[in-house]
């Protein structure tokens, strides 16, 4: 909902992407430093709705590794 986000109106420079359904604006109102739980929830949500996930690299110890594994079919790893 834009009315609860940082932007009341989508900035003009982002409007074409937004109108085409290619831009998602996520603003979480809990401050500038999200806790791990909120970051994990955000990452899971974004991963679930994305067409493709691009990872520059991935480490099995990374907090993003479970998302990479869960969405392996739509994940792209650039460091291969």
PDB file of N, CA and C in Angstrom:
ATOM      1  N   UNK A   1       0.828  -1.172   0.000  1.00  0.00           N
ATOM      2  CA  UNK A   1       0.000   0.000   0.000  1.00  0.00           C
ATOM      3  C   UNK A   1       0.877   1.241   0.000  1.00  0.00           C
ATOM      4  N   UNK A   2       0.762   2.050  -0.974  1.00  0.00           N
ATOM      5  CA  UNK A   2       1.605   3.243  -1.028  1.00  0.00           C
ATOM      6  C   UNK A   2       1.266   4.243   0.070  1.00  0.00           C
ATOM      7  N   UNK A   3       0.041   4.285   0.521  1.00  0.00           N
ATOM      8  CA  UNK A   3      -0.325   5.261   1.543  1.00  0.00           C
ATOM      9  C   UNK A   3       0.355   4.982   2.871  1.00  0.00           C
ATOM     10  N   UNK A   4       0.825   3.762   3.059  1.00  0.00           N
ATOM     11  CA  UNK A   4       1.546   3.435   4.286  1.00  0.00           C
ATOM     12  C   UNK A   4       3.039   3.335   4.044  1.00  0.00           C
ATOM     13  N   UNK A   5       3.482   3.701   2.910  1.00  0.00           N
ATOM     14  CA  UNK A   5       4.896   3.553   2.579  1.00  0.00           C
ATOM     15  C   UNK A   5       5.608   4.888   2.590  1.00  0.00           C
ATOM     16  N   UNK A   6       6.848   4.815   2.221  1.00  0.00           N
ATOM     17  CA  UNK A   6       7.684   6.010   2.152  1.00  0.00           C
ATOM     18  C   UNK A   6       7.154   6.967   1.084  1.00  0.00           C
ATOM     19  N   UNK A   7       6.583   6.423   0.019  1.00  0.00           N
ATOM     20  CA  UNK A   7       6.059   7.236  -1.073  1.00  0.00           C
ATOM     21  C   UNK A   7       4.541   7.275  -1.019  1.00  0.00           C
ATOM     22  N   UNK A   8       3.956   8.448  -1.060  1.00  0.00           N
ATOM     23  CA  UNK A   8       2.500   8.568  -1.198  1.00  0.00           C
ATOM     24  C   UNK A   8       2.112   8.401  -2.664  1.00  0.00           C
ATOM     25  N   UNK A   9       3.026   8.794  -3.545  1.00  0.00           N
ATOM     26  CA  UNK A   9       2.856   8.678  -4.992  1.00  0.00           C
ATOM     27  C   UNK A   9       4.159   8.095  -5.538  1.00  0.00           C
ATOM     28  N   UNK A  10       4.057   7.196  -6.493  1.00  0.00           N
ATOM     29  CA  UNK A  10       5.255   6.628  -7.099  1.00  0.00           C
ATOM     30  C   UNK A  10       6.003   7.737  -7.837  1.00  0.00           C
ATOM     31  N   UNK A  11       7.307   7.931  -7.545  1.00  0.00           N
ATOM     32  CA  UNK A  11       8.087   8.961  -8.253  1.00  0.00           C
ATOM     33  C   UNK A  11       8.062   8.731  -9.763  1.00  0.00           C
ATOM     34  N   UNK A  12       8.021   9.793 -10.518  1.00  0.00           N
ATOM     35  CA  UNK A  12       7.905   9.708 -11.977  1.00  0.00           C
ATOM     36  C   UNK A  12       8.997   8.845 -12.608  1.00  0.00           C
ATOM     37  N   UNK A  13      10.207   8.896 -12.075  1.00  0.00           N
ATOM     38  CA  UNK A  13      11.282   8.106 -12.691  1.00  0.00           C
ATOM     39  C   UNK A  13      11.051   6.600 -12.540  1.00  0.00           C
ATOM     40  N   UNK A  14      10.227   6.188 -11.575  1.00  0.00           N
ATOM     41  CA  UNK A  14       9.907   4.782 -11.385  1.00  0.00           C
ATOM     42  C   UNK A  14       8.562   4.379 -11.972  1.00  0.00           C
ATOM     43  N   UNK A  15       7.778   5.338 -12.403  1.00  0.00           N
ATOM     44  CA  UNK A  15       6.408   5.090 -12.854  1.00  0.00           C
ATOM     45  C   UNK A  15       6.298   4.085 -14.005  1.00  0.00           C
ATOM     46  N   UNK A  16       7.135   4.193 -15.064  1.00  0.00           N
ATOM     47  CA  UNK A  16       7.008   3.223 -16.158  1.00  0.00           C
ATOM     48  C   UNK A  16       7.220   1.779 -15.694  1.00  0.00           C
ATOM     49  N   UNK A  17       8.200   1.553 -14.839  1.00  0.00           N
ATOM     50  CA  UNK A  17       8.436   0.209 -14.319  1.00  0.00           C
ATOM     51  C   UNK A  17       7.282  -0.253 -13.442  1.00  0.00           C
ATOM     52  N   UNK A  18       6.786   0.641 -12.600  1.00  0.00           N
ATOM     53  CA  UNK A  18       5.674   0.318 -11.713  1.00  0.00           C
ATOM     54  C   UNK A  18       4.419  -0.007 -12.519  1.00  0.00           C
ATOM     55  N   UNK A  19       4.119   0.815 -13.507  1.00  0.00           N
ATOM     56  CA  UNK A  19       2.937   0.609 -14.352  1.00  0.00           C
ATOM     57  C   UNK A  19       3.011  -0.706 -15.130  1.00  0.00           C
ATOM     58  N   UNK A  20       4.228  -1.113 -15.489  1.00  0.00           N
ATOM     59  CA  UNK A  20       4.419  -2.352 -16.242  1.00  0.00           C
ATOM     60  C   UNK A  20       4.465  -3.579 -15.332  1.00  0.00           C
ATOM     61  N   UNK A  21       4.341  -3.366 -14.035  1.00  0.00           N
ATOM     62  CA  UNK A  21       4.388  -4.484 -13.099  1.00  0.00           C
ATOM     63  C   UNK A  21       5.776  -5.041 -12.886  1.00  0.00           C
ATOM     64  N   UNK A  22       6.800  -4.247 -13.163  1.00  0.00           N
ATOM     65  CA  UNK A  22       8.192  -4.693 -13.048  1.00  0.00           C
ATOM     66  C   UNK A  22       8.901  -4.142 -11.825  1.00  0.00           C
ATOM     67  N   UNK A  23       8.197  -3.353 -11.020  1.00  0.00           N
ATOM     68  CA  UNK A  23       8.806  -2.741  -9.844  1.00  0.00           C
ATOM     69  C   UNK A  23       7.915  -2.969  -8.636  1.00  0.00           C
ATOM     70  N   UNK A  24       8.502  -3.461  -7.588  1.00  0.00           N
ATOM     71  CA  UNK A  24       7.814  -3.636  -6.323  1.00  0.00           C
ATOM     72  C   UNK A  24       8.497  -2.747  -5.303  1.00  0.00           C
ATOM     73  N   UNK A  25       7.740  -1.908  -4.651  1.00  0.00           N
ATOM     74  CA  UNK A  25       8.293  -1.033  -3.622  1.00  0.00           C
ATOM     75  C   UNK A  25       7.908  -1.617  -2.277  1.00  0.00           C
ATOM     76  N   UNK A  26       8.923  -1.972  -1.510  1.00  0.00           N
ATOM     77  CA  UNK A  26       8.693  -2.523  -0.175  1.00  0.00           C
ATOM     78  C   UNK A  26       9.269  -1.538   0.826  1.00  0.00           C
ATOM     79  N   UNK A  27       8.428  -1.079   1.704  1.00  0.00           N
ATOM     80  CA  UNK A  27       8.864  -0.182   2.771  1.00  0.00           C
ATOM     81  C   UNK A  27       8.341  -0.740   4.076  1.00  0.00           C
ATOM     82  N   UNK A  28       9.243  -1.065   4.954  1.00  0.00           N
ATOM     83  CA  UNK A  28       8.857  -1.614   6.244  1.00  0.00           C
ATOM     84  C   UNK A  28       9.022  -0.518   7.283  1.00  0.00           C
ATOM     85  N   UNK A  29       7.973  -0.239   8.011  1.00  0.00           N
ATOM     86  CA  UNK A  29       7.956   0.900   8.913  1.00  0.00           C
ATOM     87  C   UNK A  29       8.551   0.683  10.275  1.00  0.00           C
ATOM     88  N   UNK A  30       9.511  -0.205  10.412  1.00  0.00           N
ATOM     89  CA  UNK A  30      10.079  -0.445  11.724  1.00  0.00           C
ATOM     90  C   UNK A  30      11.457   0.164  11.899  1.00  0.00           C
ATOM     91  N   UNK A  31      11.795   1.149  11.115  1.00  0.00           N
ATOM     92  CA  UNK A  31      13.087   1.816  11.265  1.00  0.00           C
ATOM     93  C   UNK A  31      14.045   1.454  10.157  1.00  0.00           C
ATOM     94  N   UNK A  32      15.252   1.940  10.273  1.00  0.00           N
ATOM     95  CA  UNK A  32      16.228   1.746   9.203  1.00  0.00           C
ATOM     96  C   UNK A  32      17.019   0.453   9.336  1.00  0.00           C
ATOM     97  N   UNK A  33      16.920  -0.235  10.449  1.00  0.00           N
ATOM     98  CA  UNK A  33      17.676  -1.465  10.652  1.00  0.00           C
ATOM     99  C   UNK A  33      16.732  -2.597  11.053  1.00  0.00           C
ATOM    100  N   UNK A  34      16.256  -3.352  10.063  1.00  0.00           N
ATOM    101  CA  UNK A  34      15.311  -4.421  10.379  1.00  0.00           C
ATOM    102  C   UNK A  34      15.981  -5.548  11.166  1.00  0.00           C
ATOM    103  N   UNK A  35      15.247  -6.185  12.018  1.00  0.00           N
ATOM    104  CA  UNK A  35      15.785  -7.341  12.725  1.00  0.00           C
ATOM    105  C   UNK A  35      15.848  -8.518  11.749  1.00  0.00           C
ATOM    106  N   UNK A  36      16.553  -9.548  12.121  1.00  0.00           N
ATOM    107  CA  UNK A  36      16.706 -10.705  11.235  1.00  0.00           C
ATOM    108  C   UNK A  36      15.367 -11.343  10.875  1.00  0.00           C
ATOM    109  N   UNK A  37      14.461 -11.393  11.843  1.00  0.00           N
ATOM    110  CA  UNK A  37      13.156 -12.010  11.590  1.00  0.00           C
ATOM    111  C   UNK A  37      12.388 -11.266  10.504  1.00  0.00           C
ATOM    112  N   UNK A  38      12.344  -9.940  10.582  1.00  0.00           N
ATOM    113  CA  UNK A  38      11.641  -9.158   9.569  1.00  0.00           C
ATOM    114  C   UNK A  38      12.354  -9.237   8.220  1.00  0.00           C
ATOM    115  N   UNK A  39      13.671  -9.218   8.241  1.00  0.00           N
ATOM    116  CA  UNK A  39      14.432  -9.336   6.993  1.00  0.00           C
ATOM    117  C   UNK A  39      14.162 -10.689   6.338  1.00  0.00           C
ATOM    118  N   UNK A  40      14.105 -11.746   7.132  1.00  0.00           N
ATOM    119  CA  UNK A  40      13.824 -13.077   6.589  1.00  0.00           C
ATOM    120  C   UNK A  40      12.416 -13.141   6.007  1.00  0.00           C
ATOM    121  N   UNK A  41      11.449 -12.530   6.685  1.00  0.00           N
ATOM    122  CA  UNK A  41      10.082 -12.502   6.170  1.00  0.00           C
ATOM    123  C   UNK A  41      10.019 -11.733   4.859  1.00  0.00           C
ATOM    124  N   UNK A  42      10.691 -10.596   4.804  1.00  0.00           N
ATOM    125  CA  UNK A  42      10.718  -9.802   3.571  1.00  0.00           C
ATOM    126  C   UNK A  42      11.352 -10.592   2.443  1.00  0.00           C
ATOM    127  N   UNK A  43      12.504 -11.216   2.713  1.00  0.00           N
ATOM    128  CA  UNK A  43      13.208 -11.966   1.676  1.00  0.00           C
ATOM    129  C   UNK A  43      12.367 -13.128   1.157  1.00  0.00           C
ATOM    130  N   UNK A  44      11.681 -13.814   2.055  1.00  0.00           N
ATOM    131  CA  UNK A  44      10.824 -14.929   1.646  1.00  0.00           C
ATOM    132  C   UNK A  44       9.678 -14.432   0.768  1.00  0.00           C
ATOM    133  N   UNK A  45       9.068 -13.321   1.153  1.00  0.00           N
ATOM    134  CA  UNK A  45       7.967 -12.772   0.362  1.00  0.00           C
ATOM    135  C   UNK A  45       8.436 -12.370  -1.034  1.00  0.00           C
ATOM    136  N   UNK A  46       9.521 -11.640  -1.094  1.00  0.00           N
ATOM    137  CA  UNK A  46      10.041 -11.194  -2.397  1.00  0.00           C
ATOM    138  C   UNK A  46      10.405 -12.401  -3.254  1.00  0.00           C
ATOM    139  N   UNK A  47      11.050 -13.389  -2.667  1.00  0.00           N
ATOM    140  CA  UNK A  47      11.427 -14.584  -3.420  1.00  0.00           C
ATOM    141  C   UNK A  47      10.196 -15.323  -3.938  1.00  0.00           C
ATOM    142  N   UNK A  48       9.144 -15.356  -3.142  1.00  0.00           N
ATOM    143  CA  UNK A  48       7.948 -16.096  -3.537  1.00  0.00           C
ATOM    144  C   UNK A  48       7.216 -15.460  -4.716  1.00  0.00           C
ATOM    145  N   UNK A  49       7.320 -14.150  -4.876  1.00  0.00           N
ATOM    146  CA  UNK A  49       6.596 -13.494  -5.967  1.00  0.00           C
ATOM    147  C   UNK A  49       7.475 -13.165  -7.174  1.00  0.00           C
ATOM    148  N   UNK A  50       8.781 -13.317  -7.030  1.00  0.00           N
ATOM    149  CA  UNK A  50       9.704 -12.969  -8.123  1.00  0.00           C
ATOM    150  C   UNK A  50       9.656 -14.011  -9.236  1.00  0.00           C
ATOM    151  N   UNK A  51       9.882 -13.560 -10.466  1.00  0.00           N
ATOM    152  CA  UNK A  51       9.990 -14.471 -11.602  1.00  0.00           C
ATOM    153  C   UNK A  51      11.346 -15.159 -11.617  1.00  0.00           C
ATOM    154  N   UNK A  52      12.367 -14.423 -11.169  1.00  0.00           N
ATOM    155  CA  UNK A  52      13.743 -14.918 -11.193  1.00  0.00           C
ATOM    156  C   UNK A  52      14.491 -14.310 -10.021  1.00  0.00           C
ATOM    157  N   UNK A  53      15.352 -15.101  -9.407  1.00  0.00           N
ATOM    158  CA  UNK A  53      16.207 -14.631  -8.323  1.00  0.00           C
ATOM    159  C   UNK A  53      17.652 -14.707  -8.801  1.00  0.00           C
ATOM    160  N   UNK A  54      18.378 -13.629  -8.677  1.00  0.00           N
ATOM    161  CA  UNK A  54      19.764 -13.585  -9.135  1.00  0.00           C
ATOM    162  C   UNK A  54      20.670 -13.418  -7.926  1.00  0.00           C
ATOM    163  N   UNK A  55      21.602 -14.345  -7.780  1.00  0.00           N
ATOM    164  CA  UNK A  55      22.576 -14.326  -6.698  1.00  0.00           C
ATOM    165  C   UNK A  55      23.964 -14.168  -7.305  1.00  0.00           C
ATOM    166  N   UNK A  56      24.718 -13.210  -6.809  1.00  0.00           N
ATOM    167  CA  UNK A  56      26.093 -13.035  -7.285  1.00  0.00           C
ATOM    168  C   UNK A  56      26.932 -14.238  -6.868  1.00  0.00           C
ATOM    169  N   UNK A  57      26.739 -14.685  -5.660  1.00  0.00           N
ATOM    170  CA  UNK A  57      27.362 -15.895  -5.138  1.00  0.00           C
ATOM    171  C   UNK A  57      26.508 -16.357  -3.963  1.00  0.00           C
ATOM    172  N   UNK A  58      26.721 -17.573  -3.545  1.00  0.00           N
ATOM    173  CA  UNK A  58      25.944 -18.075  -2.409  1.00  0.00           C
ATOM    174  C   UNK A  58      26.819 -19.037  -1.608  1.00  0.00           C
ATOM    175  N   UNK A  59      26.711 -18.928  -0.306  1.00  0.00           N
ATOM    176  CA  UNK A  59      27.462 -19.766   0.619  1.00  0.00           C
ATOM    177  C   UNK A  59      26.441 -20.568   1.428  1.00  0.00           C
ATOM    178  N   UNK A  60      26.673 -21.858   1.614  1.00  0.00           N
ATOM    179  CA  UNK A  60      25.721 -22.656   2.395  1.00  0.00           C
ATOM    180  C   UNK A  60      25.481 -22.133   3.815  1.00  0.00           C
ATOM    181  N   UNK A  61      26.377 -21.336   4.324  1.00  0.00           N
ATOM    182  CA  UNK A  61      26.217 -20.761   5.668  1.00  0.00           C
ATOM    183  C   UNK A  61      25.426 -19.448   5.645  1.00  0.00           C
ATOM    184  N   UNK A  62      25.132 -18.947   4.469  1.00  0.00           N
ATOM    185  CA  UNK A  62      24.432 -17.673   4.321  1.00  0.00           C
ATOM    186  C   UNK A  62      22.977 -17.788   4.765  1.00  0.00           C
ATOM    187  N   UNK A  63      22.440 -16.680   5.271  1.00  0.00           N
ATOM    188  CA  UNK A  63      21.021 -16.646   5.639  1.00  0.00           C
ATOM    189  C   UNK A  63      20.121 -16.719   4.400  1.00  0.00           C
ATOM    190  N   UNK A  64      20.667 -16.437   3.227  1.00  0.00           N
ATOM    191  CA  UNK A  64      19.891 -16.522   1.983  1.00  0.00           C
ATOM    192  C   UNK A  64      19.919 -17.911   1.353  1.00  0.00           C
ATOM    193  N   UNK A  65      20.767 -18.786   1.864  1.00  0.00           N
ATOM    194  CA  UNK A  65      20.894 -20.112   1.265  1.00  0.00           C
ATOM    195  C   UNK A  65      19.578 -20.900   1.273  1.00  0.00           C
ATOM    196  N   UNK A  66      18.803 -20.872   2.365  1.00  0.00           N
ATOM    197  CA  UNK A  66      17.513 -21.588   2.325  1.00  0.00           C
ATOM    198  C   UNK A  66      16.583 -21.081   1.218  1.00  0.00           C
ATOM    199  N   UNK A  67      16.608 -19.793   0.958  1.00  0.00           N
ATOM    200  CA  UNK A  67      15.785 -19.243  -0.129  1.00  0.00           C
ATOM    201  C   UNK A  67      16.320 -19.706  -1.479  1.00  0.00           C
ATOM    202  N   UNK A  68      17.629 -19.655  -1.639  1.00  0.00           N
ATOM    203  CA  UNK A  68      18.262 -20.134  -2.864  1.00  0.00           C
ATOM    204  C   UNK A  68      17.868 -21.587  -3.125  1.00  0.00           C
ATOM    205  N   UNK A  69      17.918 -22.414  -2.083  1.00  0.00           N
ATOM    206  CA  UNK A  69      17.585 -23.836  -2.227  1.00  0.00           C
ATOM    207  C   UNK A  69      16.102 -24.046  -2.494  1.00  0.00           C
ATOM    208  N   UNK A  70      15.256 -23.351  -1.763  1.00  0.00           N
ATOM    209  CA  UNK A  70      13.810 -23.510  -1.913  1.00  0.00           C
ATOM    210  C   UNK A  70      13.340 -23.114  -3.307  1.00  0.00           C
ATOM    211  N   UNK A  71      13.933 -22.056  -3.844  1.00  0.00           N
ATOM    212  CA  UNK A  71      13.525 -21.534  -5.152  1.00  0.00           C
ATOM    213  C   UNK A  71      14.597 -21.807  -6.206  1.00  0.00           C
ATOM    214  N   UNK A  72      15.225 -22.955  -6.120  1.00  0.00           N
ATOM    215  CA  UNK A  72      16.324 -23.312  -7.021  1.00  0.00           C
ATOM    216  C   UNK A  72      15.929 -23.251  -8.498  1.00  0.00           C
ATOM    217  N   UNK A  73      14.681 -23.587  -8.801  1.00  0.00           N
ATOM    218  CA  UNK A  73      14.214 -23.582 -10.195  1.00  0.00           C
ATOM    219  C   UNK A  73      14.239 -22.193 -10.823  1.00  0.00           C
ATOM    220  N   UNK A  74      14.070 -21.158 -10.008  1.00  0.00           N
ATOM    221  CA  UNK A  74      14.088 -19.808 -10.570  1.00  0.00           C
ATOM    222  C   UNK A  74      15.285 -18.995 -10.084  1.00  0.00           C
ATOM    223  N   UNK A  75      16.269 -19.662  -9.496  1.00  0.00           N
ATOM    224  CA  UNK A  75      17.474 -18.982  -9.019  1.00  0.00           C
ATOM    225  C   UNK A  75      18.577 -19.054 -10.064  1.00  0.00           C
ATOM    226  N   UNK A  76      19.267 -17.947 -10.231  1.00  0.00           N
ATOM    227  CA  UNK A  76      20.402 -17.853 -11.142  1.00  0.00           C
ATOM    228  C   UNK A  76      21.620 -17.508 -10.293  1.00  0.00           C
ATOM    229  N   UNK A  77      22.684 -18.259 -10.464  1.00  0.00           N
ATOM    230  CA  UNK A  77      23.917 -18.014  -9.729  1.00  0.00           C
ATOM    231  C   UNK A  77      24.970 -17.492 -10.707  1.00  0.00           C
ATOM    232  N   UNK A  78      25.414 -16.254 -10.492  1.00  0.00           N
ATOM    233  CA  UNK A  78      26.343 -15.612 -11.425  1.00  0.00           C
ATOM    234  C   UNK A  78      27.774 -16.126 -11.295  1.00  0.00           C
ATOM    235  N   UNK A  79      28.139 -16.692 -10.170  1.00  0.00           N
ATOM    236  CA  UNK A  79      29.529 -17.101  -9.950  1.00  0.00           C
ATOM    237  C   UNK A  79      29.840 -18.507 -10.416  1.00  0.00           C
ATOM    238  N   UNK A  80      28.957 -19.126 -11.183  1.00  0.00           N
ATOM    239  CA  UNK A  80      29.207 -20.477 -11.678  1.00  0.00           C
ATOM    240  C   UNK A  80      30.222 -20.468 -12.797  1.00  0.00           C
TER     241      UNK A  80
END
